[in-house]
Every structure is written in C-alpha cells, then in structure tokens.
Amino acid sequence: MTGILKLDAERFLADVPEEYVFWCHDGQPLRNMMELEKALRSMEEETFAYHAADRRNDFSTWARDVLKDENLATELGKLTNRTEAARKVAEESLFSPVS
C-alpha cells in the first residue's frame, strides 16, 4: 500500500518536460498535477471558462496527452466548474494507481 501512495505522490509532484508545460490564458505555467490543482482552485472564472469552453477542454486534453491520465481527462471533460475540477484532480492524483 505504501508503494502505491508513494507512486501517486511522485506522479502528483512530477514535472512534465518543459515543452509540455501548460500555459494558462492568464500566463500561469502548470508543470504538474499539483500545480494544476492549485491553479484551478485560485484562477479567475474567465481563465477557467477560456480553457473549458464548449467542446474544447484544454485541461482534459493536457491530462490525456501529457499526463497520460485517461480517467482524469474524461472526468475533467465533463466538469464545468473549476472548484469541482480542482477536487477531481486532487482525488485522482491521490487515489488512483499509476498506469
């Protein structure tokens, strides 16, 4: 059990390569899941709406393509509220096994 928790913590904190950093519309760079969660909790609603508008969800795409977390990507694609999205990132990063 400790090994899984350690792997989850490492995944939550691990930075993506520099070329895959997510640049928010407000200029904030996101390098890992922890930064994504923190940003979602504090970003302006306009910034969230810009990235999660209509059919486009940049957070979901980044989770799928860069973080390689299909479950998180699917969940983020369904959410239209930044607080719920932050909670989902925190839950996913702490409780799901690394694939």
PDB file of N, CA and C in Angstrom:
ATOM      1  N   MET A   1       0.821  -1.196   0.000  1.00  0.00           N
ATOM      2  CA  MET A   1       0.000   0.000   0.000  1.00  0.00           C
ATOM      3  C   MET A   1       0.866   1.261   0.000  1.00  0.00           C
ATOM      4  N   THR A   2       1.934   1.268   0.767  1.00  0.00           N
ATOM      5  CA  THR A   2       2.810   2.434   0.828  1.00  0.00           C
ATOM      6  C   THR A   2       3.429   2.721  -0.530  1.00  0.00           C
ATOM      7  N   GLY A   3       3.783   1.674  -1.271  1.00  0.00           N
ATOM      8  CA  GLY A   3       4.367   1.852  -2.593  1.00  0.00           C
ATOM      9  C   GLY A   3       3.426   2.575  -3.540  1.00  0.00           C
ATOM     10  N   ILE A   4       2.154   2.221  -3.507  1.00  0.00           N
ATOM     11  CA  ILE A   4       1.175   2.876  -4.370  1.00  0.00           C
ATOM     12  C   ILE A   4       1.033   4.334  -3.979  1.00  0.00           C
ATOM     13  N   LEU A   5       0.959   4.623  -2.698  1.00  0.00           N
ATOM     14  CA  LEU A   5       0.833   6.005  -2.254  1.00  0.00           C
ATOM     15  C   LEU A   5       2.061   6.817  -2.647  1.00  0.00           C
ATOM     16  N   LYS A   6       3.234   6.211  -2.543  1.00  0.00           N
ATOM     17  CA  LYS A   6       4.453   6.909  -2.931  1.00  0.00           C
ATOM     18  C   LYS A   6       4.446   7.206  -4.424  1.00  0.00           C
ATOM     19  N   LEU A   7       4.032   6.222  -5.230  1.00  0.00           N
ATOM     20  CA  LEU A   7       3.962   6.430  -6.676  1.00  0.00           C
ATOM     21  C   LEU A   7       2.952   7.519  -7.024  1.00  0.00           C
ATOM     22  N   ASP A   8       1.810   7.525  -6.331  1.00  0.00           N
ATOM     23  CA  ASP A   8       0.813   8.565  -6.565  1.00  0.00           C
ATOM     24  C   ASP A   8       1.372   9.936  -6.220  1.00  0.00           C
ATOM     25  N   ALA A   9       2.077  10.030  -5.092  1.00  0.00           N
ATOM     26  CA  ALA A   9       2.666  11.308  -4.690  1.00  0.00           C
ATOM     27  C   ALA A   9       3.705  11.763  -5.708  1.00  0.00           C
ATOM     28  N   GLU A  10       4.525  10.843  -6.175  1.00  0.00           N
ATOM     29  CA  GLU A  10       5.535  11.188  -7.182  1.00  0.00           C
ATOM     30  C   GLU A  10       4.873  11.670  -8.468  1.00  0.00           C
ATOM     31  N   ARG A  11       3.805  11.003  -8.867  1.00  0.00           N
ATOM     32  CA  ARG A  11       3.095  11.391 -10.084  1.00  0.00           C
ATOM     33  C   ARG A  11       2.455  12.768  -9.917  1.00  0.00           C
ATOM     34  N   PHE A  12       1.917  13.044  -8.746  1.00  0.00           N
ATOM     35  CA  PHE A  12       1.274  14.321  -8.462  1.00  0.00           C
ATOM     36  C   PHE A  12       2.274  15.473  -8.522  1.00  0.00           C
ATOM     37  N   LEU A  13       3.508  15.213  -8.086  1.00  0.00           N
ATOM     38  CA  LEU A  13       4.528  16.254  -7.992  1.00  0.00           C
ATOM     39  C   LEU A  13       5.464  16.321  -9.196  1.00  0.00           C
ATOM     40  N   ALA A  14       5.490  15.274 -10.013  1.00  0.00           N
ATOM     41  CA  ALA A  14       6.454  15.202 -11.116  1.00  0.00           C
ATOM     42  C   ALA A  14       6.158  16.245 -12.184  1.00  0.00           C
ATOM     43  N   ASP A  15       7.189  16.994 -12.546  1.00  0.00           N
ATOM     44  CA  ASP A  15       7.061  17.991 -13.610  1.00  0.00           C
ATOM     45  C   ASP A  15       7.087  17.321 -14.975  1.00  0.00           C
ATOM     46  N   VAL A  16       6.302  17.869 -15.877  1.00  0.00           N
ATOM     47  CA  VAL A  16       6.338  17.416 -17.267  1.00  0.00           C
ATOM     48  C   VAL A  16       7.553  18.054 -17.928  1.00  0.00           C
ATOM     49  N   PRO A  17       8.020  17.495 -19.041  1.00  0.00           N
ATOM     50  CA  PRO A  17       9.116  18.152 -19.772  1.00  0.00           C
ATOM     51  C   PRO A  17       8.715  19.580 -20.139  1.00  0.00           C
ATOM     52  N   GLU A  18       9.692  20.446 -20.226  1.00  0.00           N
ATOM     53  CA  GLU A  18       9.440  21.879 -20.449  1.00  0.00           C
ATOM     54  C   GLU A  18       8.563  22.147 -21.679  1.00  0.00           C
ATOM     55  N   GLU A  19       8.734  21.354 -22.726  1.00  0.00           N
ATOM     56  CA  GLU A  19       7.949  21.594 -23.938  1.00  0.00           C
ATOM     57  C   GLU A  19       6.472  21.235 -23.783  1.00  0.00           C
ATOM     58  N   TYR A  20       6.105  20.563 -22.665  1.00  0.00           N
ATOM     59  CA  TYR A  20       4.717  20.177 -22.424  1.00  0.00           C
ATOM     60  C   TYR A  20       4.063  20.957 -21.288  1.00  0.00           C
ATOM     61  N   VAL A  21       4.716  22.003 -20.816  1.00  0.00           N
ATOM     62  CA  VAL A  21       4.133  22.845 -19.777  1.00  0.00           C
ATOM     63  C   VAL A  21       2.834  23.441 -20.313  1.00  0.00           C
ATOM     64  N   PHE A  22       1.807  23.432 -19.491  1.00  0.00           N
ATOM     65  CA  PHE A  22       0.517  24.024 -19.849  1.00  0.00           C
ATOM     66  C   PHE A  22       0.564  25.504 -19.489  1.00  0.00           C
ATOM     67  N   TRP A  23       0.338  26.346 -20.466  1.00  0.00           N
ATOM     68  CA  TRP A  23       0.325  27.795 -20.224  1.00  0.00           C
ATOM     69  C   TRP A  23      -1.116  28.263 -20.186  1.00  0.00           C
ATOM     70  N   CYS A  24      -1.551  28.686 -18.998  1.00  0.00           N
ATOM     71  CA  CYS A  24      -2.905  29.209 -18.845  1.00  0.00           C
ATOM     72  C   CYS A  24      -3.047  30.523 -19.587  1.00  0.00           C
ATOM     73  N   HIS A  25      -4.267  30.839 -19.918  1.00  0.00           N
ATOM     74  CA  HIS A  25      -4.593  32.082 -20.607  1.00  0.00           C
ATOM     75  C   HIS A  25      -4.118  33.303 -19.815  1.00  0.00           C
ATOM     76  N   ASP A  26      -4.045  33.166 -18.498  1.00  0.00           N
ATOM     77  CA  ASP A  26      -3.589  34.281 -17.653  1.00  0.00           C
ATOM     78  C   ASP A  26      -2.066  34.322 -17.518  1.00  0.00           C
ATOM     79  N   GLY A  27      -1.366  33.427 -18.219  1.00  0.00           N
ATOM     80  CA  GLY A  27       0.093  33.422 -18.220  1.00  0.00           C
ATOM     81  C   GLY A  27       0.738  32.492 -17.209  1.00  0.00           C
ATOM     82  N   GLN A  28      -0.058  31.835 -16.393  1.00  0.00           N
ATOM     83  CA  GLN A  28       0.482  30.935 -15.367  1.00  0.00           C
ATOM     84  C   GLN A  28       0.895  29.601 -15.987  1.00  0.00           C
ATOM     85  N   PRO A  29       2.134  29.151 -15.740  1.00  0.00           N
ATOM     86  CA  PRO A  29       2.557  27.840 -16.243  1.00  0.00           C
ATOM     87  C   PRO A  29       2.174  26.734 -15.257  1.00  0.00           C
ATOM     88  N   LEU A  30       1.773  25.593 -15.802  1.00  0.00           N
ATOM     89  CA  LEU A  30       1.442  24.423 -14.988  1.00  0.00           C
ATOM     90  C   LEU A  30       2.363  23.290 -15.411  1.00  0.00           C
ATOM     91  N   ARG A  31       3.130  22.774 -14.459  1.00  0.00           N
ATOM     92  CA  ARG A  31       4.129  21.755 -14.767  1.00  0.00           C
ATOM     93  C   ARG A  31       3.792  20.370 -14.215  1.00  0.00           C
ATOM     94  N   ASN A  32       2.796  20.289 -13.349  1.00  0.00           N
ATOM     95  CA  ASN A  32       2.447  19.010 -12.743  1.00  0.00           C
ATOM     96  C   ASN A  32       1.012  19.058 -12.228  1.00  0.00           C
ATOM     97  N   MET A  33       0.544  17.929 -11.722  1.00  0.00           N
ATOM     98  CA  MET A  33      -0.840  17.840 -11.251  1.00  0.00           C
ATOM     99  C   MET A  33      -1.083  18.725 -10.037  1.00  0.00           C
ATOM    100  N   MET A  34      -0.095  18.861  -9.168  1.00  0.00           N
ATOM    101  CA  MET A  34      -0.263  19.705  -8.000  1.00  0.00           C
ATOM    102  C   MET A  34      -0.474  21.161  -8.429  1.00  0.00           C
ATOM    103  N   GLU A  35       0.303  21.625  -9.392  1.00  0.00           N
ATOM    104  CA  GLU A  35       0.132  22.988  -9.887  1.00  0.00           C
ATOM    105  C   GLU A  35      -1.221  23.150 -10.582  1.00  0.00           C
ATOM    106  N   LEU A  36      -1.670  22.116 -11.283  1.00  0.00           N
ATOM    107  CA  LEU A  36      -2.984  22.161 -11.912  1.00  0.00           C
ATOM    108  C   LEU A  36      -4.069  22.317 -10.854  1.00  0.00           C
ATOM    109  N   GLU A  37      -3.995  21.513  -9.812  1.00  0.00           N
ATOM    110  CA  GLU A  37      -4.999  21.606  -8.750  1.00  0.00           C
ATOM    111  C   GLU A  37      -4.999  22.993  -8.111  1.00  0.00           C
ATOM    112  N   LYS A  38      -3.823  23.488  -7.747  1.00  0.00           N
ATOM    113  CA  LYS A  38      -3.725  24.815  -7.126  1.00  0.00           C
ATOM    114  C   LYS A  38      -4.262  25.904  -8.049  1.00  0.00           C
ATOM    115  N   ALA A  39      -3.917  25.825  -9.317  1.00  0.00           N
ATOM    116  CA  ALA A  39      -4.372  26.829 -10.278  1.00  0.00           C
ATOM    117  C   ALA A  39      -5.891  26.803 -10.417  1.00  0.00           C
ATOM    118  N   LEU A  40      -6.462  25.607 -10.481  1.00  0.00           N
ATOM    119  CA  LEU A  40      -7.915  25.503 -10.602  1.00  0.00           C
ATOM    120  C   LEU A  40      -8.622  26.099  -9.391  1.00  0.00           C
ATOM    121  N   ARG A  41      -8.035  25.950  -8.224  1.00  0.00           N
ATOM    122  CA  ARG A  41      -8.650  26.495  -7.004  1.00  0.00           C
ATOM    123  C   ARG A  41      -8.620  28.018  -6.967  1.00  0.00           C
ATOM    124  N   SER A  42      -7.631  28.627  -7.617  1.00  0.00           N
ATOM    125  CA  SER A  42      -7.456  30.068  -7.458  1.00  0.00           C
ATOM    126  C   SER A  42      -7.656  30.902  -8.730  1.00  0.00           C
ATOM    127  N   MET A  43      -7.740  30.264  -9.888  1.00  0.00           N
ATOM    128  CA  MET A  43      -7.804  31.048 -11.123  1.00  0.00           C
ATOM    129  C   MET A  43      -9.142  31.781 -11.251  1.00  0.00           C
ATOM    130  N   GLU A  44      -9.093  32.826 -12.020  1.00  0.00           N
ATOM    131  CA  GLU A  44     -10.301  33.596 -12.316  1.00  0.00           C
ATOM    132  C   GLU A  44     -11.260  32.729 -13.138  1.00  0.00           C
ATOM    133  N   GLU A  45     -12.538  32.972 -12.964  1.00  0.00           N
ATOM    134  CA  GLU A  45     -13.548  32.215 -13.706  1.00  0.00           C
ATOM    135  C   GLU A  45     -13.368  32.376 -15.220  1.00  0.00           C
ATOM    136  N   GLU A  46     -12.945  33.565 -15.642  1.00  0.00           N
ATOM    137  CA  GLU A  46     -12.745  33.810 -17.066  1.00  0.00           C
ATOM    138  C   GLU A  46     -11.643  32.913 -17.646  1.00  0.00           C
ATOM    139  N   THR A  47     -10.588  32.713 -16.857  1.00  0.00           N
ATOM    140  CA  THR A  47      -9.495  31.844 -17.302  1.00  0.00           C
ATOM    141  C   THR A  47      -9.980  30.417 -17.420  1.00  0.00           C
ATOM    142  N   PHE A  48     -10.725  29.956 -16.416  1.00  0.00           N
ATOM    143  CA  PHE A  48     -11.264  28.601 -16.468  1.00  0.00           C
ATOM    144  C   PHE A  48     -12.177  28.446 -17.682  1.00  0.00           C
ATOM    145  N   ALA A  49     -13.067  29.409 -17.875  1.00  0.00           N
ATOM    146  CA  ALA A  49     -14.012  29.346 -18.997  1.00  0.00           C
ATOM    147  C   ALA A  49     -13.271  29.322 -20.333  1.00  0.00           C
ATOM    148  N   TYR A  50     -12.195  30.068 -20.435  1.00  0.00           N
ATOM    149  CA  TYR A  50     -11.416  30.094 -21.671  1.00  0.00           C
ATOM    150  C   TYR A  50     -10.909  28.688 -22.013  1.00  0.00           C
ATOM    151  N   HIS A  51     -10.431  27.966 -21.016  1.00  0.00           N
ATOM    152  CA  HIS A  51      -9.836  26.642 -21.249  1.00  0.00           C
ATOM    153  C   HIS A  51     -10.858  25.508 -21.253  1.00  0.00           C
ATOM    154  N   ALA A  52     -12.023  25.742 -20.663  1.00  0.00           N
ATOM    155  CA  ALA A  52     -13.023  24.672 -20.554  1.00  0.00           C
ATOM    156  C   ALA A  52     -14.307  25.033 -21.299  1.00  0.00           C
ATOM    157  N   ALA A  53     -14.184  25.812 -22.345  1.00  0.00           N
ATOM    158  CA  ALA A  53     -15.355  26.296 -23.081  1.00  0.00           C
ATOM    159  C   ALA A  53     -15.903  25.252 -24.040  1.00  0.00           C
ATOM    160  N   ASP A  54     -17.227  25.178 -24.089  1.00  0.00           N
ATOM    161  CA  ASP A  54     -17.957  24.354 -25.052  1.00  0.00           C
ATOM    162  C   ASP A  54     -17.338  22.971 -25.225  1.00  0.00           C
ATOM    163  N   ARG A  55     -16.986  22.649 -26.452  1.00  0.00           N
ATOM    164  CA  ARG A  55     -16.438  21.309 -26.737  1.00  0.00           C
ATOM    165  C   ARG A  55     -14.954  21.210 -26.448  1.00  0.00           C
ATOM    166  N   ARG A  56     -14.285  22.345 -26.359  1.00  0.00           N
ATOM    167  CA  ARG A  56     -12.845  22.331 -26.092  1.00  0.00           C
ATOM    168  C   ARG A  56     -12.624  22.316 -24.581  1.00  0.00           C
ATOM    169  N   ASN A  57     -11.795  21.426 -24.132  1.00  0.00           N
ATOM    170  CA  ASN A  57     -11.390  21.448 -22.733  1.00  0.00           C
ATOM    171  C   ASN A  57      -9.887  21.196 -22.704  1.00  0.00           C
ATOM    172  N   ASP A  58      -9.140  22.276 -22.605  1.00  0.00           N
ATOM    173  CA  ASP A  58      -7.688  22.180 -22.630  1.00  0.00           C
ATOM    174  C   ASP A  58      -7.139  21.378 -21.460  1.00  0.00           C
ATOM    175  N   PHE A  59      -7.792  21.466 -20.303  1.00  0.00           N
ATOM    176  CA  PHE A  59      -7.331  20.720 -19.128  1.00  0.00           C
ATOM    177  C   PHE A  59      -7.469  19.217 -19.378  1.00  0.00           C
ATOM    178  N   SER A  60      -8.585  18.821 -19.935  1.00  0.00           N
ATOM    179  CA  SER A  60      -8.812  17.417 -20.262  1.00  0.00           C
ATOM    180  C   SER A  60      -7.794  16.920 -21.284  1.00  0.00           C
ATOM    181  N   THR A  61      -7.558  17.716 -22.310  1.00  0.00           N
ATOM    182  CA  THR A  61      -6.594  17.339 -23.346  1.00  0.00           C
ATOM    183  C   THR A  61      -5.193  17.190 -22.758  1.00  0.00           C
ATOM    184  N   TRP A  62      -4.789  18.121 -21.899  1.00  0.00           N
ATOM    185  CA  TRP A  62      -3.471  18.058 -21.271  1.00  0.00           C
ATOM    186  C   TRP A  62      -3.359  16.827 -20.375  1.00  0.00           C
ATOM    187  N   ALA A  63      -4.411  16.533 -19.609  1.00  0.00           N
ATOM    188  CA  ALA A  63      -4.394  15.345 -18.751  1.00  0.00           C
ATOM    189  C   ALA A  63      -4.239  14.079 -19.583  1.00  0.00           C
ATOM    190  N   ARG A  64      -4.921  14.021 -20.708  1.00  0.00           N
ATOM    191  CA  ARG A  64      -4.872  12.831 -21.561  1.00  0.00           C
ATOM    192  C   ARG A  64      -3.531  12.720 -22.296  1.00  0.00           C
ATOM    193  N   ASP A  65      -3.147  13.789 -22.960  1.00  0.00           N
ATOM    194  CA  ASP A  65      -1.999  13.724 -23.855  1.00  0.00           C
ATOM    195  C   ASP A  65      -0.650  13.860 -23.167  1.00  0.00           C
ATOM    196  N   VAL A  66      -0.596  14.644 -22.107  1.00  0.00           N
ATOM    197  CA  VAL A  66       0.691  14.910 -21.451  1.00  0.00           C
ATOM    198  C   VAL A  66       0.833  14.130 -20.143  1.00  0.00           C
ATOM    199  N   LEU A  67      -0.181  14.201 -19.290  1.00  0.00           N
ATOM    200  CA  LEU A  67      -0.107  13.498 -18.004  1.00  0.00           C
ATOM    201  C   LEU A  67      -0.398  12.012 -18.148  1.00  0.00           C
ATOM    202  N   LYS A  68      -0.954  11.623 -19.284  1.00  0.00           N
ATOM    203  CA  LYS A  68      -1.272  10.218 -19.590  1.00  0.00           C
ATOM    204  C   LYS A  68      -2.250   9.634 -18.579  1.00  0.00           C
ATOM    205  N   ASP A  69      -3.252  10.436 -18.210  1.00  0.00           N
ATOM    206  CA  ASP A  69      -4.257  10.007 -17.248  1.00  0.00           C
ATOM    207  C   ASP A  69      -5.627  10.085 -17.918  1.00  0.00           C
ATOM    208  N   GLU A  70      -6.015   8.992 -18.518  1.00  0.00           N
ATOM    209  CA  GLU A  70      -7.270   8.935 -19.268  1.00  0.00           C
ATOM    210  C   GLU A  70      -8.483   9.163 -18.371  1.00  0.00           C
ATOM    211  N   ASN A  71      -8.471   8.586 -17.171  1.00  0.00           N
ATOM    212  CA  ASN A  71      -9.591   8.756 -16.253  1.00  0.00           C
ATOM    213  C   ASN A  71      -9.768  10.226 -15.870  1.00  0.00           C
ATOM    214  N   LEU A  72      -8.682  10.877 -15.506  1.00  0.00           N
ATOM    215  CA  LEU A  72      -8.756  12.294 -15.152  1.00  0.00           C
ATOM    216  C   LEU A  72      -9.213  13.114 -16.351  1.00  0.00           C
ATOM    217  N   ALA A  73      -8.705  12.813 -17.518  1.00  0.00           N
ATOM    218  CA  ALA A  73      -9.097  13.546 -18.730  1.00  0.00           C
ATOM    219  C   ALA A  73     -10.600  13.435 -18.972  1.00  0.00           C
ATOM    220  N   THR A  74     -11.125  12.237 -18.836  1.00  0.00           N
ATOM    221  CA  THR A  74     -12.556  12.018 -19.031  1.00  0.00           C
ATOM    222  C   THR A  74     -13.372  12.814 -18.022  1.00  0.00           C
ATOM    223  N   GLU A  75     -12.965  12.752 -16.768  1.00  0.00           N
ATOM    224  CA  GLU A  75     -13.690  13.475 -15.714  1.00  0.00           C
ATOM    225  C   GLU A  75     -13.609  14.983 -15.918  1.00  0.00           C
ATOM    226  N   LEU A  76     -12.437  15.503 -16.234  1.00  0.00           N
ATOM    227  CA  LEU A  76     -12.296  16.940 -16.452  1.00  0.00           C
ATOM    228  C   LEU A  76     -13.131  17.398 -17.645  1.00  0.00           C
ATOM    229  N   GLY A  77     -13.261  16.550 -18.636  1.00  0.00           N
ATOM    230  CA  GLY A  77     -14.056  16.891 -19.801  1.00  0.00           C
ATOM    231  C   GLY A  77     -15.536  17.058 -19.496  1.00  0.00           C
ATOM    232  N   LYS A  78     -15.998  16.488 -18.406  1.00  0.00           N
ATOM    233  CA  LYS A  78     -17.406  16.565 -18.012  1.00  0.00           C
ATOM    234  C   LYS A  78     -17.703  17.779 -17.125  1.00  0.00           C
ATOM    235  N   LEU A  79     -16.674  18.335 -16.504  1.00  0.00           N
ATOM    236  CA  LEU A  79     -16.892  19.354 -15.489  1.00  0.00           C
ATOM    237  C   LEU A  79     -16.872  20.761 -16.067  1.00  0.00           C
ATOM    238  N   THR A  80     -17.752  21.605 -15.550  1.00  0.00           N
ATOM    239  CA  THR A  80     -17.818  22.994 -15.995  1.00  0.00           C
ATOM    240  C   THR A  80     -17.585  23.959 -14.835  1.00  0.00           C
ATOM    241  N   ASN A  81     -17.145  23.425 -13.712  1.00  0.00           N
ATOM    242  CA  ASN A  81     -16.917  24.226 -12.519  1.00  0.00           C
ATOM    243  C   ASN A  81     -15.472  24.023 -12.077  1.00  0.00           C
ATOM    244  N   ARG A  82     -14.719  25.099 -11.900  1.00  0.00           N
ATOM    245  CA  ARG A  82     -13.292  24.967 -11.586  1.00  0.00           C
ATOM    246  C   ARG A  82     -13.058  24.349 -10.213  1.00  0.00           C
ATOM    247  N   THR A  83     -13.941  24.587  -9.254  1.00  0.00           N
ATOM    248  CA  THR A  83     -13.786  24.002  -7.923  1.00  0.00           C
ATOM    249  C   THR A  83     -13.950  22.481  -7.987  1.00  0.00           C
ATOM    250  N   GLU A  84     -14.947  22.029  -8.738  1.00  0.00           N
ATOM    251  CA  GLU A  84     -15.132  20.586  -8.921  1.00  0.00           C
ATOM    252  C   GLU A  84     -13.948  19.986  -9.671  1.00  0.00           C
ATOM    253  N   ALA A  85     -13.434  20.705 -10.651  1.00  0.00           N
ATOM    254  CA  ALA A  85     -12.276  20.226 -11.405  1.00  0.00           C
ATOM    255  C   ALA A  85     -11.060  20.093 -10.493  1.00  0.00           C
ATOM    256  N   ALA A  86     -10.838  21.069  -9.624  1.00  0.00           N
ATOM    257  CA  ALA A  86      -9.720  21.006  -8.677  1.00  0.00           C
ATOM    258  C   ALA A  86      -9.865  19.807  -7.753  1.00  0.00           C
ATOM    259  N   ARG A  87     -11.075  19.587  -7.271  1.00  0.00           N
ATOM    260  CA  ARG A  87     -11.330  18.450  -6.380  1.00  0.00           C
ATOM    261  C   ARG A  87     -11.070  17.133  -7.103  1.00  0.00           C
ATOM    262  N   LYS A  88     -11.465  17.056  -8.368  1.00  0.00           N
ATOM    263  CA  LYS A  88     -11.252  15.827  -9.143  1.00  0.00           C
ATOM    264  C   LYS A  88      -9.761  15.571  -9.363  1.00  0.00           C
ATOM    265  N   VAL A  89      -8.989  16.615  -9.637  1.00  0.00           N
ATOM    266  CA  VAL A  89      -7.540  16.459  -9.803  1.00  0.00           C
ATOM    267  C   VAL A  89      -6.929  15.938  -8.512  1.00  0.00           C
ATOM    268  N   ALA A  90      -7.330  16.513  -7.376  1.00  0.00           N
ATOM    269  CA  ALA A  90      -6.798  16.072  -6.080  1.00  0.00           C
ATOM    270  C   ALA A  90      -7.163  14.616  -5.808  1.00  0.00           C
ATOM    271  N   GLU A  91      -8.410  14.250  -6.046  1.00  0.00           N
ATOM    272  CA  GLU A  91      -8.852  12.864  -5.822  1.00  0.00           C
ATOM    273  C   GLU A  91      -8.091  11.897  -6.722  1.00  0.00           C
ATOM    274  N   GLU A  92      -8.009  12.234  -7.972  1.00  0.00           N
ATOM    275  CA  GLU A  92      -7.348  11.353  -8.944  1.00  0.00           C
ATOM    276  C   GLU A  92      -5.883  11.154  -8.621  1.00  0.00           C
ATOM    277  N   SER A  93      -5.227  12.223  -8.262  1.00  0.00           N
ATOM    278  CA  SER A  93      -3.785  12.140  -8.019  1.00  0.00           C
ATOM    279  C   SER A  93      -3.460  11.371  -6.744  1.00  0.00           C
ATOM    280  N   LEU A  94      -4.381  11.357  -5.807  1.00  0.00           N
ATOM    281  CA  LEU A  94      -4.086  10.707  -4.540  1.00  0.00           C
ATOM    282  C   LEU A  94      -4.620   9.284  -4.435  1.00  0.00           C
ATOM    283  N   PHE A  95      -5.609   8.924  -5.243  1.00  0.00           N
ATOM    284  CA  PHE A  95      -6.247   7.636  -5.039  1.00  0.00           C
ATOM    285  C   PHE A  95      -6.200   6.662  -6.202  1.00  0.00           C
ATOM    286  N   SER A  96      -5.759   7.086  -7.350  1.00  0.00           N
ATOM    287  CA  SER A  96      -5.749   6.147  -8.451  1.00  0.00           C
ATOM    288  C   SER A  96      -4.350   5.608  -8.692  1.00  0.00           C
ATOM    289  N   PRO A  97      -4.257   4.336  -9.025  1.00  0.00           N
ATOM    290  CA  PRO A  97      -2.944   3.751  -9.293  1.00  0.00           C
ATOM    291  C   PRO A  97      -2.345   4.317 -10.583  1.00  0.00           C
ATOM    292  N   VAL A  98      -1.046   4.351 -10.611  1.00  0.00           N
ATOM    293  CA  VAL A  98      -0.321   4.820 -11.793  1.00  0.00           C
ATOM    294  C   VAL A  98      -0.455   3.761 -12.865  1.00  0.00           C
ATOM    295  N   SER A  99      -0.771   4.189 -14.091  1.00  0.00           N
ATOM    296  CA  SER A  99      -0.916   3.205 -15.175  1.00  0.00           C
ATOM    297  C   SER A  99       0.348   3.100 -15.987  1.00  0.00           C
TER     298      SER A  99
END
